[in-house]
Structure formats: C-alpha cells, structure tokens
Amino acid sequence: MGDPAAGRVAHDAVMRTQFAAVTAAMRDDSPAVRAAAVEGACGILGKFWELVPARTAKGLLARLVGECARDAASTAVRAAVVKGLGFVLDNVLSHEAMRQVLPALAPLLHDRSDKVRAEMARLLRAVQGLRSFALTDVVDSEQVLARLALDAAVPEVASELSGLLVPSLFPEDASVQELLSRTVKCMKTHAAAGLAFYANLHHHVSSVRVCRLVLVVHKAIKKACHDSAAAARRQESGSLGALAGAGEAARAGSKRGRGEDGEEDEDMEDEGIQANGGGSSRRGKLRADNTMLMAALLRVAHVAWASISDEVLEKQTGESDSMGKARRKLLEAWGGRFLGAAARAMLGADALTCPAMASSGSNSDGRNPPAWDATRSAVLASLLGIAGLLPETGAGSKDGESEGTS
C-alpha cells in the first residue's frame, strides 16, 4: 500500500518497508504467523506481479522455496507454500520465473504430511494444464508412479496423482490395441501404481470411457482363452485339428471384423501386446495360461468396474444414451458363462473345482493339479470380484453365454 500523492522515492521506500515486513514475518517464531506471511507473499505476487520489482519478486520466491518450503517445524507452512505458488501460477507473467524455482519443490511430493503431498499433487496438476510448462520440468513420471503406489490408500493424493497420468496411460484417442498395450506395460512395470490409477480413473474421465477400458480387457481375455483353447485342440488332434483351428480362426477373424453392434472392431492380435511392452518372451504373450498377465488384466477390470459400479448396476438420473449402451455391452460381455469359461481356461477345471484339493497335491483321480500359487489366487479373486459386480439376476445375453473357450 502507498500514498498515491507521494513521489516515486517515497513510494519505493514504502514498498521496501512492506516487503521487509513480509520477509521478516516468514521467519517469525510462530508457525501460524509464518504460514500467514507465506500466504500474503504469494497473494502479492499472484495479484501484482507486474508491479513488484523483479529483484524483489525473485527474492520472495527464493525465500519461499529455499526456506519456507523446508520448514521442518510446521506442516502448515510447507502446505501454504505449495498452495500459494499455485495461486502465483495463475498470473501468466510469473511463469518464466516460476519455471526456475518449481523443480526445487519436487521433494515435497514425498513429504511426510498427507496435506503437503496433496497440495503438491494439485500444484503439479496446475503445471500440467499450462502450455508454457511441461510436467517433467518439475518432476519425472517415475516419481509420480512411485508416490502413487505408496499413497494408494490416501484418496486426496491418489486421485490427484492419477490425474497426472491420464494423458500417458489412458489417452482419449487411443485405439484398442494401444490402450491394451499401455495397460499391460503399466501393470508389468508399476503394478501397485497401476491399480491405484485405474481405481481413480473415474475421477478424471467419463464412466463411458471406464466401461470401454473394462471391455478392452474383456476382449483381450476372450482372445487369450480362445487362442489357448484352439492351440490345445490342434495339439491333441494333430494335422486335422490344425486345419480345423485355421478354419475357426478365419471365422473368428471375420466376426472380429464386424462387432456385435455393427461397428468395426479393432484388431486384437497379440503382436505388440506384451507384458513388457514388446518382445517375444512367452511370459509376455497374451495366453490364458500366462496367469501373471491374466491376473494383472483382471485386477484392472475389477478395480475400474468397482469404481463405477453404482452407475453400471442402476440407471442414473439424466444418464446419456452412450452410458446406457456401454452398460449393456459391459454386462453382456462379462455375464452368462464367460467368467466360468475364463476361469477354466486360466486355472484348469480341476483346480477351479476345489482350490483346497489343488493345494493338497493331487486330485481324486490321482493326477497332480497346477500349483495354487499367489498369482492363481489373484486370478480367482478378481474373477469372483467381477462376478460380484454383476446383477444378481444375471445380465449375460445369448451371445455373452456363448463366449468362452469351449
């Protein structure tokens, strides 16, 4: 504040006195005073950036980032710094200077306080929305993924961090093939963060898009089960089975070319759909007996579906036609006998009949079933979880009942 009638020299003297007072307050013994000073300093910079001398603005930012953001004695002060700098970012004139200081705040993404981490995640979301900034100017994606895995159970942090990853993990214009590839790669390299991301995806995209993700996973699992069954038949039947399998594959390819609703289905061949994002390792192939990959995909489908379960089970007021269509396709795809057929393809009929018997080491006929390890347990848990999301009356259509591996 200053007297409009005062001369330039007097005005500058008053300004220096006021900024000195704000700076002194940032070092006050009281945490409440320090937090209020931080808020005031950020308010001044955000509203009057063009009026504040460049040297003064630079000094205030240095004090905020270099001292106040490291105030080990007060969570409120650290949180006030991050929140206040978000306000400063609203002034486009500050961006050049802010680009120089924001990277120093990266450690606050791992602050011991949930409140500070949540504010930091919100600041990163603000940075992401600016054309003059790149998120990687402040923090790299690996740090975001690592923090998301650790804060999966902290909703206000997990939700904001998930929003940061939407452009890379769930781009709006991604094809079925690309979406599946990104999902598989994420679950292979950052499984814990991936589950947290897909569980919070509904906060940032429409429920229709979440349904699309679950349907993409269904298509992948259906193809894996179909291909594994076809391979088993060819192996058992020799050359005749190979010919029959080729004919069936051709018919299936024709069906894939035209979807159930008359729309073109996108290619679901497994070339490029590897758990490691590429390569030809068998454990990365889209196969029903690759229980690690199947478990990962089923977990994604389960947590994503569970996040919008109310909208899927019951029509909402003002619901769009696209959501109604997505619900019908989702329930038809996963309903009927599909889950049972998928379970048999992934786990084996004997193991599915009695997991306890599988763990004992032999079946009633003396044959040894596959080991019932943690991955197989995860497959079964996700299948049961998805079954629990279906309406009690059953939603599988005639087409859905015919899907499977038989």
Protein backbone atom coordinates (compact mmCIF):
# COMPACT_ATOMS: atom_id res chain seq x y z
CA MET A 1 0.00 0.00 0.00
CA GLY A 2 1.14 3.55 -0.58
CA ASP A 3 0.04 7.15 -0.87
CA PRO A 4 -0.89 7.92 -4.50
CA ALA A 5 0.14 11.54 -3.93
CA ALA A 6 3.62 10.61 -2.71
CA GLY A 7 6.62 10.90 -5.01
CA ARG A 8 8.43 7.97 -6.61
CA VAL A 9 11.17 7.93 -3.99
CA ALA A 10 8.70 7.89 -1.11
CA HIS A 11 6.61 5.24 -2.80
CA ASP A 12 9.63 2.96 -3.30
CA ALA A 13 10.62 3.44 0.33
CA VAL A 14 7.16 2.34 1.50
CA MET A 15 7.26 -0.69 -0.79
CA ARG A 16 10.65 -1.75 0.60
CA THR A 17 9.34 -1.41 4.13
CA GLN A 18 6.31 -3.57 3.38
CA PHE A 19 8.30 -6.31 1.66
CA ALA A 20 10.79 -6.27 4.53
CA ALA A 21 7.90 -6.79 6.94
CA VAL A 22 6.57 -9.74 4.93
CA THR A 23 10.05 -11.28 4.75
CA ALA A 24 10.53 -10.87 8.49
CA ALA A 25 7.16 -12.49 9.16
CA MET A 26 8.26 -15.55 7.18
CA ARG A 27 10.89 -16.08 9.89
CA ASP A 28 8.64 -15.43 12.87
CA ASP A 29 8.77 -17.84 15.80
CA SER A 30 5.07 -18.63 15.43
CA PRO A 31 4.17 -21.20 12.74
CA ALA A 32 0.79 -19.52 12.30
CA VAL A 33 2.47 -16.20 11.57
CA ARG A 34 4.90 -17.83 9.13
CA ALA A 35 2.04 -19.55 7.30
CA ALA A 36 0.08 -16.28 7.10
CA ALA A 37 3.16 -14.49 5.78
CA VAL A 38 3.63 -17.12 3.10
CA GLU A 39 0.00 -16.75 2.06
CA GLY A 40 0.36 -12.98 1.95
CA ALA A 41 3.56 -13.07 -0.08
CA CYS A 42 2.03 -15.42 -2.64
CA GLY A 43 -1.09 -13.26 -2.79
CA ILE A 44 1.00 -10.19 -3.58
CA LEU A 45 2.99 -11.97 -6.28
CA GLY A 46 -0.09 -13.54 -7.83
CA LYS A 47 -2.13 -10.32 -7.99
CA PHE A 48 0.53 -7.68 -8.54
CA TRP A 49 3.40 -9.48 -10.27
CA GLU A 50 3.87 -6.74 -12.83
CA LEU A 51 4.09 -4.09 -10.08
CA VAL A 52 6.61 -5.89 -7.91
CA PRO A 53 10.25 -5.12 -8.78
CA ALA A 54 11.88 -8.11 -10.45
CA ARG A 55 14.62 -8.27 -7.83
CA THR A 56 12.06 -8.28 -5.02
CA ALA A 57 9.92 -10.94 -6.68
CA LYS A 58 12.98 -13.12 -7.20
CA GLY A 59 13.96 -12.68 -3.56
CA LEU A 60 10.50 -13.61 -2.30
CA LEU A 61 10.37 -16.73 -4.46
CA ALA A 62 13.83 -17.76 -3.27
CA ARG A 63 12.72 -17.34 0.34
CA LEU A 64 9.50 -19.27 -0.23
CA VAL A 65 11.17 -22.20 -1.99
CA GLY A 66 14.52 -22.22 -0.24
CA GLU A 67 13.39 -21.68 3.35
CA CYS A 68 9.64 -21.86 3.92
CA ALA A 69 9.12 -24.98 1.79
CA ARG A 70 11.70 -26.70 4.02
CA ASP A 71 10.14 -25.61 7.32
CA ALA A 72 10.55 -28.88 9.21
CA ALA A 73 8.73 -27.48 12.25
CA SER A 74 5.43 -26.74 10.53
CA THR A 75 3.33 -28.73 8.10
CA ALA A 76 1.05 -25.71 7.70
CA VAL A 77 3.89 -23.55 6.43
CA ARG A 78 5.07 -26.12 3.86
CA ALA A 79 1.50 -26.66 2.66
CA ALA A 80 0.96 -22.89 2.45
CA VAL A 81 4.00 -22.53 0.20
CA VAL A 82 2.78 -25.14 -2.28
CA LYS A 83 -0.79 -23.86 -2.28
CA GLY A 84 0.35 -20.24 -2.56
CA LEU A 85 2.63 -20.90 -5.50
CA GLY A 86 -0.32 -22.46 -7.27
CA PHE A 87 -2.02 -19.08 -6.92
CA VAL A 88 1.07 -17.33 -8.29
CA LEU A 89 0.93 -19.61 -11.34
CA ASP A 90 -2.46 -18.10 -12.20
CA ASN A 91 -0.57 -14.99 -13.28
CA VAL A 92 0.96 -15.79 -16.64
CA LEU A 93 3.63 -13.13 -16.16
CA SER A 94 5.15 -15.23 -13.38
CA HIS A 95 5.76 -18.32 -15.47
CA GLU A 96 9.30 -17.57 -16.59
CA ALA A 97 10.47 -17.04 -13.01
CA MET A 98 8.39 -19.92 -11.67
CA ARG A 99 9.93 -22.33 -14.15
CA GLN A 100 13.27 -21.71 -12.46
CA VAL A 101 12.13 -22.38 -8.88
CA LEU A 102 9.44 -25.07 -9.06
CA PRO A 103 11.84 -28.01 -9.57
CA ALA A 104 13.15 -27.32 -6.06
CA LEU A 105 9.73 -28.30 -4.71
CA ALA A 106 9.90 -31.85 -6.12
CA PRO A 107 10.91 -33.39 -2.74
CA LEU A 108 7.59 -32.22 -1.28
CA LEU A 109 5.86 -34.88 -3.38
CA HIS A 110 7.30 -37.28 -0.80
CA ASP A 111 6.68 -35.09 2.25
CA ARG A 112 5.75 -36.90 5.46
CA SER A 113 2.46 -34.99 5.62
CA ASP A 114 -0.56 -36.11 3.59
CA LYS A 115 -1.69 -32.50 3.42
CA VAL A 116 1.56 -31.29 1.87
CA ARG A 117 1.64 -34.17 -0.62
CA ALA A 118 -1.95 -33.44 -1.64
CA GLU A 119 -1.15 -29.76 -2.20
CA MET A 120 1.92 -30.73 -4.22
CA ALA A 121 -0.15 -33.05 -6.39
CA ARG A 122 -2.63 -30.21 -7.02
CA LEU A 123 0.23 -27.88 -7.95
CA LEU A 124 1.53 -30.45 -10.42
CA ARG A 125 -1.95 -30.71 -11.94
CA ALA A 126 -1.91 -26.92 -12.37
CA VAL A 127 1.52 -27.10 -14.03
CA GLN A 128 0.30 -29.86 -16.34
CA GLY A 129 -2.52 -27.63 -17.56
CA LEU A 130 -0.17 -24.85 -18.69
CA ARG A 131 1.14 -24.65 -22.24
CA SER A 132 4.29 -22.87 -21.11
CA PHE A 133 5.26 -25.72 -18.77
CA ALA A 134 6.00 -29.41 -19.05
CA LEU A 135 5.30 -31.61 -16.06
CA THR A 136 8.74 -33.15 -16.45
CA ASP A 137 10.22 -29.70 -15.80
CA VAL A 138 9.20 -30.18 -12.19
CA VAL A 139 9.05 -33.92 -11.55
CA ASP A 140 9.53 -37.05 -13.64
CA SER A 141 6.85 -39.67 -14.18
CA GLU A 142 8.75 -42.33 -12.22
CA GLN A 143 8.45 -40.25 -9.07
CA VAL A 144 4.73 -39.79 -9.67
CA LEU A 145 4.24 -43.54 -10.13
CA ALA A 146 6.30 -44.36 -7.04
CA ARG A 147 4.33 -41.90 -4.93
CA LEU A 148 1.01 -43.15 -6.28
CA ALA A 149 1.89 -46.70 -5.26
CA LEU A 150 2.67 -45.52 -1.73
CA ASP A 151 -0.39 -43.27 -1.45
CA ALA A 152 -2.93 -45.63 -3.00
CA ALA A 153 -4.86 -45.57 0.30
CA VAL A 154 -4.76 -41.76 0.62
CA PRO A 155 -7.68 -40.65 -1.59
CA GLU A 156 -6.90 -36.94 -1.88
CA VAL A 157 -3.34 -37.69 -3.01
CA ALA A 158 -4.04 -40.77 -5.14
CA SER A 159 -6.80 -39.04 -7.08
CA GLU A 160 -4.69 -36.01 -7.99
CA LEU A 161 -1.66 -38.11 -8.93
CA SER A 162 -3.85 -40.34 -11.08
CA GLY A 163 -4.99 -37.28 -12.98
CA LEU A 164 -1.38 -36.54 -13.88
CA LEU A 165 -1.06 -39.94 -15.56
CA VAL A 166 -4.22 -39.91 -17.66
CA PRO A 167 -2.57 -38.43 -20.79
CA SER A 168 0.11 -41.13 -20.85
CA LEU A 169 -1.76 -44.19 -19.57
CA PHE A 170 -5.27 -43.51 -20.89
CA PRO A 171 -5.13 -41.08 -23.84
CA GLU A 172 -8.53 -40.19 -25.22
CA ASP A 173 -7.78 -41.07 -28.83
CA ALA A 174 -6.02 -44.39 -28.15
CA SER A 175 -7.02 -47.42 -30.21
CA VAL A 176 -7.98 -50.73 -28.59
CA GLN A 177 -4.54 -52.10 -29.39
CA GLU A 178 -2.70 -49.09 -27.98
CA LEU A 179 -4.88 -48.91 -24.87
CA LEU A 180 -4.29 -52.56 -24.10
CA SER A 181 -0.56 -52.24 -24.69
CA ARG A 182 -0.31 -49.30 -22.31
CA THR A 183 -2.36 -51.12 -19.69
CA VAL A 184 -0.24 -54.26 -19.89
CA LYS A 185 3.01 -52.31 -19.76
CA CYS A 186 1.86 -50.27 -16.76
CA MET A 187 0.79 -53.36 -14.83
CA LYS A 188 4.05 -55.14 -15.56
CA THR A 189 6.35 -52.28 -14.58
CA HIS A 190 4.30 -50.49 -11.89
CA ALA A 191 1.54 -52.84 -10.75
CA ALA A 192 0.71 -51.13 -7.44
CA ALA A 193 0.60 -47.68 -9.01
CA GLY A 194 -1.38 -49.06 -11.94
CA LEU A 195 -4.11 -50.46 -9.71
CA ALA A 196 -4.35 -47.15 -7.86
CA PHE A 197 -4.54 -45.31 -11.18
CA TYR A 198 -7.34 -47.44 -12.62
CA ALA A 199 -9.25 -47.29 -9.33
CA ASN A 200 -9.19 -43.47 -9.52
CA LEU A 201 -9.63 -43.14 -13.27
CA HIS A 202 -13.35 -42.35 -12.91
CA HIS A 203 -12.47 -39.04 -11.22
CA HIS A 204 -10.89 -37.78 -14.44
CA VAL A 205 -12.71 -39.42 -17.36
CA SER A 206 -16.32 -40.30 -18.07
CA SER A 207 -17.87 -43.56 -16.90
CA VAL A 208 -18.34 -44.45 -20.56
CA ARG A 209 -14.58 -44.39 -21.05
CA VAL A 210 -14.08 -46.51 -17.94
CA CYS A 211 -16.54 -49.03 -19.39
CA ARG A 212 -14.51 -49.02 -22.59
CA LEU A 213 -11.40 -49.97 -20.63
CA VAL A 214 -13.17 -52.88 -18.98
CA LEU A 215 -14.46 -54.02 -22.37
CA VAL A 216 -10.96 -53.84 -23.84
CA VAL A 217 -9.72 -56.11 -21.05
CA HIS A 218 -12.63 -58.47 -21.77
CA LYS A 219 -11.68 -58.64 -25.45
CA ALA A 220 -8.07 -59.41 -24.55
CA ILE A 221 -9.01 -62.17 -22.11
CA LYS A 222 -11.56 -63.63 -24.50
CA LYS A 223 -8.96 -63.75 -27.26
CA ALA A 224 -6.37 -65.30 -24.93
CA CYS A 225 -8.78 -68.01 -23.86
CA HIS A 226 -9.93 -68.68 -27.44
CA ASP A 227 -6.39 -68.90 -28.78
CA SER A 228 -5.23 -71.15 -25.95
CA ALA A 229 -8.17 -73.49 -26.49
CA ALA A 230 -7.52 -73.58 -30.23
CA ALA A 231 -3.85 -74.37 -29.62
CA ALA A 232 -4.77 -77.19 -27.25
CA ARG A 233 -7.17 -78.69 -29.80
CA ARG A 234 -4.56 -78.53 -32.53
CA GLN A 235 -2.04 -80.24 -30.30
CA GLU A 236 -4.49 -83.03 -29.44
CA SER A 237 -5.88 -83.55 -32.92
CA GLY A 238 -2.69 -83.27 -34.95
CA SER A 239 -2.98 -82.13 -38.51
CA LEU A 240 -6.79 -82.41 -38.59
CA GLY A 241 -7.00 -80.21 -35.53
CA ALA A 242 -4.65 -77.72 -37.13
CA LEU A 243 -6.91 -77.45 -40.18
CA ALA A 244 -10.00 -77.09 -38.04
CA GLY A 245 -8.28 -74.46 -35.94
CA ALA A 246 -7.32 -72.50 -39.04
CA GLY A 247 -10.92 -72.52 -40.21
CA GLU A 248 -12.16 -71.44 -36.82
CA ALA A 249 -9.56 -68.68 -36.65
CA ALA A 250 -10.73 -67.40 -40.05
CA ARG A 251 -14.34 -67.37 -38.87
CA ALA A 252 -13.34 -65.64 -35.66
CA GLY A 253 -11.38 -63.08 -37.64
CA SER A 254 -14.44 -62.39 -39.74
CA LYS A 255 -16.53 -61.93 -36.60
CA ARG A 256 -13.94 -59.58 -35.15
CA GLY A 257 -14.06 -57.54 -38.31
CA ARG A 258 -17.67 -56.66 -37.58
CA GLY A 259 -18.71 -56.01 -33.98
CA GLU A 260 -21.92 -57.10 -32.31
CA ASP A 261 -23.47 -53.67 -32.77
CA GLY A 262 -22.47 -53.41 -36.44
CA GLU A 263 -19.43 -51.24 -35.71
CA GLU A 264 -15.94 -52.13 -36.85
CA ASP A 265 -13.99 -53.97 -34.15
CA GLU A 266 -10.35 -53.05 -33.88
CA ASP A 267 -7.59 -55.61 -34.38
CA MET A 268 -6.86 -57.66 -31.27
CA GLU A 269 -3.87 -59.65 -32.48
CA ASP A 270 -1.33 -60.08 -29.70
CA GLU A 271 1.72 -58.90 -31.65
CA GLY A 272 2.96 -55.90 -29.68
CA ILE A 273 0.70 -56.71 -26.73
CA GLN A 274 3.45 -57.91 -24.46
CA ALA A 275 3.71 -57.61 -20.71
CA ASN A 276 6.99 -55.79 -21.18
CA GLY A 277 5.66 -53.55 -23.97
CA GLY A 278 7.38 -55.54 -26.69
CA GLY A 279 9.50 -58.57 -27.43
CA SER A 280 8.56 -62.21 -27.79
CA SER A 281 9.01 -63.65 -24.30
CA ARG A 282 6.45 -66.37 -23.65
CA ARG A 283 5.60 -64.98 -20.24
CA GLY A 284 4.63 -61.75 -22.01
CA LYS A 285 2.29 -63.39 -24.51
CA LEU A 286 -1.44 -62.91 -24.37
CA ARG A 287 -2.22 -66.50 -23.36
CA ALA A 288 -4.75 -67.90 -20.91
CA ASP A 289 -2.06 -69.94 -19.18
CA ASN A 290 0.01 -66.82 -18.58
CA THR A 291 -1.60 -66.39 -15.17
CA MET A 292 0.58 -63.42 -14.22
CA LEU A 293 -0.65 -61.37 -17.18
CA MET A 294 -4.23 -62.60 -16.81
CA ALA A 295 -4.21 -61.71 -13.11
CA ALA A 296 -2.97 -58.20 -13.91
CA LEU A 297 -5.65 -57.59 -16.54
CA LEU A 298 -8.41 -58.98 -14.33
CA ARG A 299 -7.33 -56.75 -11.47
CA VAL A 300 -7.55 -53.72 -13.76
CA ALA A 301 -11.04 -54.71 -14.90
CA HIS A 302 -12.16 -55.33 -11.32
CA VAL A 303 -10.96 -52.07 -9.74
CA ALA A 304 -12.07 -49.95 -12.71
CA TRP A 305 -15.52 -51.53 -12.78
CA ALA A 306 -15.89 -51.31 -8.99
CA SER A 307 -15.23 -47.57 -9.15
CA ILE A 308 -18.38 -47.03 -11.27
CA SER A 309 -20.41 -50.00 -10.01
CA ASP A 310 -23.39 -47.86 -8.97
CA GLU A 311 -23.74 -46.43 -12.47
CA VAL A 312 -23.42 -49.87 -14.04
CA LEU A 313 -25.96 -51.56 -11.80
CA GLU A 314 -28.61 -48.86 -11.91
CA LYS A 315 -29.55 -46.23 -14.46
CA GLN A 316 -28.77 -42.76 -13.16
CA THR A 317 -30.93 -39.66 -13.48
CA GLY A 318 -30.01 -37.75 -16.62
CA GLU A 319 -27.88 -40.60 -17.92
CA SER A 320 -26.66 -40.28 -21.51
CA ASP A 321 -27.54 -42.77 -24.23
CA SER A 322 -23.87 -43.64 -24.57
CA MET A 323 -23.71 -44.73 -20.93
CA GLY A 324 -26.78 -46.91 -21.39
CA LYS A 325 -25.18 -48.56 -24.40
CA ALA A 326 -21.88 -49.00 -22.55
CA ARG A 327 -23.70 -50.65 -19.62
CA ARG A 328 -25.48 -53.12 -21.88
CA LYS A 329 -22.29 -54.09 -23.69
CA LEU A 330 -20.39 -54.45 -20.42
CA LEU A 331 -22.95 -56.71 -18.77
CA GLU A 332 -23.45 -58.79 -21.90
CA ALA A 333 -19.72 -59.28 -22.36
CA TRP A 334 -18.91 -60.35 -18.80
CA GLY A 335 -22.18 -62.10 -18.00
CA GLY A 336 -23.50 -65.52 -18.87
CA ARG A 337 -20.95 -68.32 -18.78
CA PHE A 338 -17.95 -66.16 -19.69
CA LEU A 339 -16.40 -65.94 -16.23
CA GLY A 340 -16.65 -69.67 -15.65
CA ALA A 341 -15.17 -70.47 -19.04
CA ALA A 342 -12.37 -67.97 -18.49
CA ALA A 343 -11.63 -69.46 -15.07
CA ARG A 344 -11.37 -72.95 -16.53
CA ALA A 345 -9.08 -71.73 -19.30
CA MET A 346 -6.78 -69.85 -16.93
CA LEU A 347 -6.78 -72.17 -13.92
CA GLY A 348 -7.83 -75.59 -15.19
CA ALA A 349 -11.12 -77.31 -14.45
CA ASP A 350 -9.72 -79.45 -11.63
CA ALA A 351 -8.12 -76.59 -9.74
CA LEU A 352 -11.24 -74.46 -10.14
CA THR A 353 -13.44 -77.22 -8.76
CA CYS A 354 -11.62 -77.28 -5.45
CA PRO A 355 -8.69 -74.97 -4.73
CA ALA A 356 -8.12 -76.73 -1.40
CA MET A 357 -7.73 -80.05 -3.23
CA ALA A 358 -5.28 -78.37 -5.61
CA SER A 359 -3.12 -77.28 -2.71
CA SER A 360 -3.10 -80.82 -1.29
CA GLY A 361 -1.08 -82.01 -4.28
CA SER A 362 -3.46 -84.44 -6.00
CA ASN A 363 -6.97 -84.81 -7.34
CA SER A 364 -9.45 -87.61 -6.78
CA ASP A 365 -8.09 -89.39 -9.86
CA GLY A 366 -4.52 -89.16 -8.61
CA ARG A 367 -3.38 -86.53 -11.12
CA ASN A 368 -1.37 -83.57 -9.85
CA PRO A 369 -3.12 -80.21 -10.49
CA PRO A 370 -1.24 -76.97 -11.22
CA ALA A 371 0.25 -75.32 -8.15
CA TRP A 372 -2.20 -72.94 -6.50
CA ASP A 373 0.17 -70.03 -6.02
CA ALA A 374 -0.48 -66.38 -5.21
CA THR A 375 -0.92 -65.46 -8.87
CA ARG A 376 -3.58 -68.09 -9.45
CA SER A 377 -5.29 -66.99 -6.25
CA ALA A 378 -5.28 -63.41 -7.59
CA VAL A 379 -6.92 -64.61 -10.82
CA LEU A 380 -9.67 -66.36 -8.91
CA ALA A 381 -10.16 -63.43 -6.52
CA SER A 382 -10.58 -60.99 -9.41
CA LEU A 383 -12.98 -63.30 -11.25
CA LEU A 384 -15.08 -63.61 -8.11
CA GLY A 385 -14.89 -59.86 -7.57
CA ILE A 386 -16.15 -59.18 -11.09
CA ALA A 387 -18.90 -61.77 -10.62
CA GLY A 388 -19.98 -59.85 -7.54
CA LEU A 389 -20.38 -56.69 -9.63
CA LEU A 390 -22.87 -58.32 -11.99
CA PRO A 391 -26.61 -58.00 -11.27
CA GLU A 392 -27.94 -60.91 -9.25
CA THR A 393 -30.45 -61.77 -11.97
CA GLY A 394 -27.64 -62.22 -14.50
CA ALA A 395 -27.01 -59.91 -17.39
CA GLY A 396 -25.39 -62.14 -19.96
CA SER A 397 -27.02 -62.16 -23.33
CA LYS A 398 -27.23 -65.20 -25.54
CA ASP A 399 -24.12 -64.03 -27.28
CA GLY A 400 -22.35 -63.47 -23.96
CA GLU A 401 -23.23 -67.02 -22.89
CA SER A 402 -21.68 -68.43 -26.00
CA GLU A 403 -18.40 -66.65 -25.37
CA GLY A 404 -15.63 -68.62 -23.77
CA THR A 405 -13.19 -71.34 -24.55
CA SER A 406 -15.41 -74.32 -25.30
